[in-house]
Amino acid sequence: MRKLILAAVAGTAFALAGCSEKPAEEATEAAMEATDAAMDASGAAMDASGAASEAAAEASTAASM
């Protein structure tokens, strides 16, 4: 999922860069920033998923007592 998000963001950034009149260097910078943002979002989603898994495990343990 993480690779899919990164690929989608990078592809979109490059597609938009091709439609604009920005120099290639600025377009590359924008794509890199978009990729960084996607990685940050992916990391946050992974943290939330881990927290949810821990909470579910604790709830399961509590329910079995």
Protein backbone atom coordinates (compact mmCIF):
# COMPACT_ATOMS: atom_id res chain seq x y z
CA MET A 1 0.00 0.00 0.00
CA ARG A 2 2.81 2.38 0.89
CA LYS A 3 4.53 1.88 -2.48
CA LEU A 4 1.22 2.41 -4.26
CA ILE A 5 0.68 5.74 -2.49
CA LEU A 6 4.21 6.90 -3.27
CA ALA A 7 3.87 5.91 -6.92
CA ALA A 8 0.54 7.70 -7.23
CA VAL A 9 1.84 10.91 -5.67
CA ALA A 10 5.02 10.90 -7.72
CA GLY A 11 3.11 10.15 -10.92
CA THR A 12 0.65 12.93 -10.25
CA ALA A 13 3.42 15.39 -9.46
CA PHE A 14 5.25 14.57 -12.69
CA ALA A 15 2.04 14.75 -14.71
CA LEU A 16 1.22 18.16 -13.29
CA ALA A 17 4.78 19.30 -13.84
CA GLY A 18 4.47 18.38 -17.51
CA CYS A 19 1.37 20.55 -17.83
CA SER A 20 2.88 23.61 -16.23
CA GLU A 21 5.43 26.08 -17.47
CA LYS A 22 7.74 25.56 -14.50
CA PRO A 23 11.36 24.68 -15.19
CA ALA A 24 12.24 21.01 -14.80
CA GLU A 25 14.22 21.66 -11.61
CA GLU A 26 11.20 23.17 -9.86
CA ALA A 27 9.01 20.30 -11.06
CA THR A 28 11.49 17.78 -9.69
CA GLU A 29 11.56 19.62 -6.37
CA ALA A 30 7.76 19.57 -6.21
CA ALA A 31 7.72 15.84 -6.93
CA MET A 32 10.26 15.22 -4.18
CA GLU A 33 8.22 17.27 -1.71
CA ALA A 34 5.07 15.37 -2.67
CA THR A 35 6.89 12.08 -2.17
CA ASP A 36 8.12 13.22 1.26
CA ALA A 37 4.57 14.21 2.21
CA ALA A 38 3.28 10.82 1.10
CA MET A 39 5.95 9.05 3.12
CA ASP A 40 5.01 11.10 6.19
CA ALA A 41 1.34 10.25 5.71
CA SER A 42 2.19 6.60 5.21
CA GLY A 43 4.24 6.60 8.41
CA ALA A 44 1.37 8.15 10.34
CA ALA A 45 -1.02 5.56 8.94
CA MET A 46 1.33 2.78 9.96
CA ASP A 47 1.57 4.23 13.47
CA ALA A 48 -2.21 4.42 13.71
CA SER A 49 -2.52 0.86 12.44
CA GLY A 50 -0.02 -0.35 15.02
CA ALA A 51 -1.86 1.45 17.80
CA ALA A 52 -5.16 -0.06 16.65
CA SER A 53 -3.62 -3.52 16.58
CA GLU A 54 -2.27 -3.09 20.11
CA ALA A 55 -5.65 -1.86 21.34
CA ALA A 56 -7.40 -4.81 19.72
CA ALA A 57 -4.94 -7.24 21.30
CA GLU A 58 -5.47 -5.65 24.72
CA ALA A 59 -9.25 -5.78 24.28
CA SER A 60 -9.05 -9.41 23.25
CA THR A 61 -6.92 -10.23 26.28
CA ALA A 62 -9.29 -8.39 28.59
CA ALA A 63 -12.31 -10.12 27.08
CA SER A 64 -10.82 -13.56 27.58
CA MET A 65 -10.25 -13.02 31.30
